[in-house]
Amino acid sequence: MAELVFFSGTMDCGKSTLALQMDHNHAARGRAGLIYTKLDRAGESVLSSRLGLSTTAREVTDSLDFWDDVVEHLTAGGRVDYLICDEAQFYTPGQVESLARITDELDLDIYCFGITADFRTQLFPGSRRLIELADRVQVLQVEALCWCGRRATHNARVVDGTMVVEGEQVVVGDTASGGGGVVDYEVLCRRHFMRRMNSHAAKAAAQSADVLPFELDVCAVPPR
């Protein structure tokens, strides 16, 4: 039976790489699929991974109706056995419901990939709806690491080197924010997320005489 599966995790845990690999594996077995993405770091209509791999994809806008898009493709004589849906956290709840409908009524496997929570530790609307509707939610086993070496569990937004916890939910990284600062993202363990201590702040603290060693290194992994 067809399934709607949500592969989730923090940034840097290989979601897009897995999406590309799954498409390759299915295509190698003669299956035909459609690839979707939204706000990929490489630009419009591209699914890319940080390893340098990429492929063309259909760009998801808020107005896109997955049901209509897939049915139109099938009606035109195209073949669809599965969908690859990257950056699914940015999809609207209604679009996620449309994906569930496609799985149930068209019997198509749908593989969604995305971040669960934003830089404020709040669920993205698309991710929340996927958790509610997916047949399976699978956390990726490749662990992203905090600067301290521990498993990273939170996505932090960094503006000009300083971690922030306020602002618009969706801002693409490596861009100028409304305030003129450069926006980037970093994965942190929970302790350092709660302390607002990203790698830049940790480096500055390590050079300060006002910071005791245990205040900085309590979460650090001992050298091997």
Protein backbone atom coordinates (compact mmCIF):
# COMPACT_ATOMS: atom_id res chain seq x y z
CA MET A 1 0.00 0.00 0.00
CA ALA A 2 1.12 3.54 -0.71
CA GLU A 3 2.41 5.62 2.18
CA LEU A 4 2.85 9.25 3.13
CA VAL A 5 6.18 9.37 4.98
CA PHE A 6 7.75 12.35 6.72
CA PHE A 7 11.53 12.24 7.14
CA SER A 8 12.42 14.88 9.71
CA GLY A 9 15.47 16.23 11.49
CA THR A 10 17.52 19.34 12.10
CA MET A 11 19.54 21.08 9.46
CA ASP A 12 22.71 19.30 8.35
CA CYS A 13 21.32 15.81 9.00
CA GLY A 14 21.14 14.82 5.33
CA LYS A 15 17.45 15.29 4.47
CA SER A 16 17.98 16.65 0.96
CA THR A 17 20.76 14.15 0.31
CA LEU A 18 18.38 11.34 1.23
CA ALA A 19 15.68 12.84 -0.98
CA LEU A 20 18.05 12.78 -3.94
CA GLN A 21 19.17 9.24 -3.12
CA MET A 22 15.60 7.97 -2.86
CA ASP A 23 14.71 9.50 -6.21
CA HIS A 24 17.78 7.84 -7.74
CA ASN A 25 16.93 4.46 -6.24
CA HIS A 26 13.33 4.51 -7.44
CA ALA A 27 14.25 5.79 -10.91
CA ALA A 28 16.88 3.05 -11.21
CA ARG A 29 14.09 0.50 -10.76
CA GLY A 30 12.04 1.99 -13.57
CA ARG A 31 9.71 4.05 -11.41
CA ALA A 32 8.69 7.57 -12.42
CA GLY A 33 8.39 10.36 -9.91
CA LEU A 34 7.79 14.08 -9.52
CA ILE A 35 10.15 16.16 -7.39
CA TYR A 36 8.99 19.23 -5.48
CA THR A 37 10.80 21.74 -3.31
CA LYS A 38 10.33 25.21 -1.86
CA LEU A 39 12.85 27.93 -1.05
CA ASP A 40 15.87 25.74 -1.65
CA ARG A 41 19.20 27.37 -0.79
CA ALA A 42 20.34 26.94 -4.43
CA GLY A 43 17.44 28.92 -5.86
CA GLU A 44 14.09 28.34 -7.52
CA SER A 45 13.10 24.93 -8.94
CA VAL A 46 16.20 23.17 -7.60
CA LEU A 47 16.54 20.46 -4.98
CA SER A 48 20.09 20.60 -3.64
CA SER A 49 22.12 19.15 -0.79
CA ARG A 50 25.06 20.61 1.08
CA LEU A 51 27.20 17.84 -0.42
CA GLY A 52 26.94 19.56 -3.79
CA LEU A 53 24.34 17.26 -5.38
CA SER A 54 21.28 18.75 -7.05
CA THR A 55 18.46 18.12 -9.50
CA THR A 56 15.67 20.11 -11.11
CA ALA A 57 12.38 20.22 -9.26
CA ARG A 58 8.96 21.80 -9.32
CA GLU A 59 8.84 24.92 -7.17
CA VAL A 60 6.06 24.88 -4.58
CA THR A 61 4.20 28.16 -4.14
CA ASP A 62 1.46 28.80 -1.60
CA SER A 63 -1.08 28.64 -4.44
CA LEU A 64 0.07 25.26 -5.78
CA ASP A 65 -2.51 22.49 -5.49
CA PHE A 66 -0.66 19.17 -5.43
CA TRP A 67 -3.78 17.23 -6.39
CA ASP A 68 -4.44 19.37 -9.47
CA ASP A 69 -0.76 19.31 -10.47
CA VAL A 70 -0.44 15.53 -10.27
CA VAL A 71 -3.81 14.87 -11.94
CA GLU A 72 -2.92 17.27 -14.76
CA HIS A 73 0.36 15.41 -15.28
CA LEU A 74 -1.42 12.05 -15.38
CA THR A 75 -4.18 13.33 -17.66
CA ALA A 76 -1.56 14.56 -20.11
CA GLY A 77 -0.23 11.01 -20.38
CA GLY A 78 2.54 11.26 -17.83
CA ARG A 79 3.37 8.50 -15.37
CA VAL A 80 3.74 9.03 -11.64
CA ASP A 81 4.64 6.34 -9.13
CA TYR A 82 5.90 8.53 -6.28
CA LEU A 83 6.51 12.11 -5.15
CA ILE A 84 9.63 13.52 -3.54
CA CYS A 85 8.73 16.63 -1.50
CA ASP A 86 11.67 18.51 -0.01
CA GLU A 87 11.56 21.51 2.36
CA ALA A 88 8.10 20.30 3.37
CA GLN A 89 8.11 22.44 6.50
CA PHE A 90 7.32 25.40 4.24
CA TYR A 91 4.19 23.80 2.76
CA THR A 92 0.78 24.98 3.90
CA PRO A 93 -1.44 22.65 5.99
CA GLY A 94 -3.82 22.49 3.04
CA GLN A 95 -1.04 21.30 0.75
CA VAL A 96 -0.14 18.56 3.21
CA GLU A 97 -3.77 17.46 3.24
CA SER A 98 -3.66 17.36 -0.55
CA LEU A 99 -0.61 15.07 -0.38
CA ALA A 100 -2.49 12.75 1.97
CA ARG A 101 -5.38 12.68 -0.49
CA ILE A 102 -3.03 11.75 -3.33
CA THR A 103 -1.65 8.84 -1.31
CA ASP A 104 -5.09 7.56 -0.40
CA GLU A 105 -6.95 8.09 -3.68
CA LEU A 106 -4.22 7.77 -6.31
CA ASP A 107 -2.20 5.15 -4.41
CA LEU A 108 1.09 7.03 -4.79
CA ASP A 109 4.02 6.87 -2.38
CA ILE A 110 4.94 10.31 -1.09
CA TYR A 111 8.22 11.01 0.66
CA CYS A 112 8.41 14.35 2.46
CA PHE A 113 11.58 15.81 3.93
CA GLY A 114 11.78 18.75 6.27
CA ILE A 115 12.72 20.45 9.50
CA THR A 116 10.27 19.98 12.36
CA ALA A 117 10.72 23.20 14.36
CA ASP A 118 11.89 26.70 13.55
CA PHE A 119 14.53 28.90 15.21
CA ARG A 120 12.06 29.66 18.03
CA THR A 121 11.53 25.92 18.68
CA GLN A 122 7.97 26.23 17.33
CA LEU A 123 6.58 23.71 14.85
CA PHE A 124 6.31 24.81 11.25
CA PRO A 125 2.64 24.58 10.10
CA GLY A 126 3.56 22.13 7.33
CA SER A 127 5.55 19.93 9.68
CA ARG A 128 2.78 19.95 12.27
CA ARG A 129 0.23 18.78 9.71
CA LEU A 130 2.60 16.09 8.43
CA ILE A 131 3.08 14.76 11.97
CA GLU A 132 -0.69 14.62 12.30
CA LEU A 133 -1.39 12.92 8.96
CA ALA A 134 1.66 10.93 7.86
CA ASP A 135 1.61 7.14 7.92
CA ARG A 136 5.15 7.28 9.31
CA VAL A 137 7.34 9.97 10.80
CA GLN A 138 10.96 8.93 10.61
CA VAL A 139 13.74 10.86 12.34
CA LEU A 140 16.94 10.65 10.33
CA GLN A 141 19.75 8.74 11.98
CA VAL A 142 22.59 10.95 10.73
CA GLU A 143 23.28 13.20 13.70
CA ALA A 144 24.05 16.87 13.16
CA LEU A 145 26.49 18.17 15.75
CA CYS A 146 26.54 21.29 17.91
CA TRP A 147 29.79 23.28 18.02
CA CYS A 148 30.52 21.56 21.33
CA GLY A 149 30.40 18.10 19.74
CA ARG A 150 27.09 16.99 21.22
CA ARG A 151 24.08 15.95 19.16
CA ALA A 152 22.36 19.03 17.76
CA THR A 153 18.62 19.18 18.39
CA HIS A 154 17.70 22.78 17.64
CA ASN A 155 17.97 25.12 14.66
CA ALA A 156 19.29 28.56 15.57
CA ARG A 157 19.03 31.71 13.48
CA VAL A 158 22.14 33.89 13.53
CA VAL A 159 22.21 37.51 12.36
CA ASP A 160 25.67 39.00 11.96
CA GLY A 161 27.07 36.35 14.30
CA THR A 162 24.46 36.83 17.04
CA MET A 163 21.74 34.26 17.74
CA VAL A 164 18.20 35.67 17.61
CA VAL A 165 14.86 34.23 18.74
CA GLU A 166 12.49 36.81 17.28
CA GLY A 167 11.52 37.59 13.71
CA GLU A 168 9.66 36.15 10.75
CA GLN A 169 9.36 32.37 10.77
CA VAL A 170 10.69 31.94 7.23
CA VAL A 171 13.91 33.71 6.22
CA VAL A 172 16.28 31.97 3.82
CA GLY A 173 19.85 31.73 5.08
CA ASP A 174 22.84 33.62 3.64
CA THR A 175 20.67 36.61 2.82
CA ALA A 176 20.31 40.16 4.08
CA SER A 177 17.52 40.54 6.64
CA GLY A 178 15.15 43.47 6.87
CA GLY A 179 17.51 45.08 9.38
CA GLY A 180 20.44 44.81 7.01
CA GLY A 181 22.23 41.97 8.81
CA VAL A 182 23.37 38.75 7.21
CA VAL A 183 21.15 35.81 8.18
CA ASP A 184 22.64 32.38 8.72
CA TYR A 185 21.60 29.23 10.56
CA GLU A 186 23.41 26.93 12.96
CA VAL A 187 22.43 23.73 14.73
CA LEU A 188 22.88 23.62 18.51
CA CYS A 189 22.34 21.20 21.38
CA ARG A 190 19.48 22.15 23.70
CA ARG A 191 21.76 23.49 26.44
CA HIS A 192 23.55 25.91 24.17
CA PHE A 193 20.32 26.87 22.40
CA MET A 194 18.78 27.79 25.76
CA ARG A 195 21.93 29.74 26.64
CA ARG A 196 21.82 31.54 23.27
CA MET A 197 25.41 30.44 22.78
CA ASN A 198 26.17 29.77 19.15
CA SER A 199 29.71 29.07 17.94
CA HIS A 200 30.49 32.77 17.47
CA ALA A 201 29.39 33.59 21.02
CA ALA A 202 31.29 30.60 22.39
CA LYS A 203 34.49 31.73 20.69
CA ALA A 204 34.09 35.23 22.09
CA ALA A 205 33.33 33.88 25.57
CA ALA A 206 36.39 31.63 25.50
CA GLN A 207 38.54 34.72 24.99
CA SER A 208 36.91 36.63 27.83
CA ALA A 209 38.38 36.71 31.33
CA ASP A 210 34.86 37.14 32.76
CA VAL A 211 33.71 33.65 31.73
CA LEU A 212 34.66 30.67 33.87
CA PRO A 213 35.68 27.49 32.00
CA PHE A 214 32.77 25.45 33.34
CA GLU A 215 30.29 28.02 32.05
CA LEU A 216 31.50 27.37 28.53
CA ASP A 217 32.56 23.73 28.55
CA VAL A 218 29.89 22.04 30.67
CA CYS A 219 28.34 20.56 27.54
CA ALA A 220 31.49 19.97 25.57
CA VAL A 221 32.53 16.48 24.61
CA PRO A 222 35.88 15.53 26.21
CA PRO A 223 38.75 14.98 23.76
CA ARG A 224 39.31 11.42 22.57
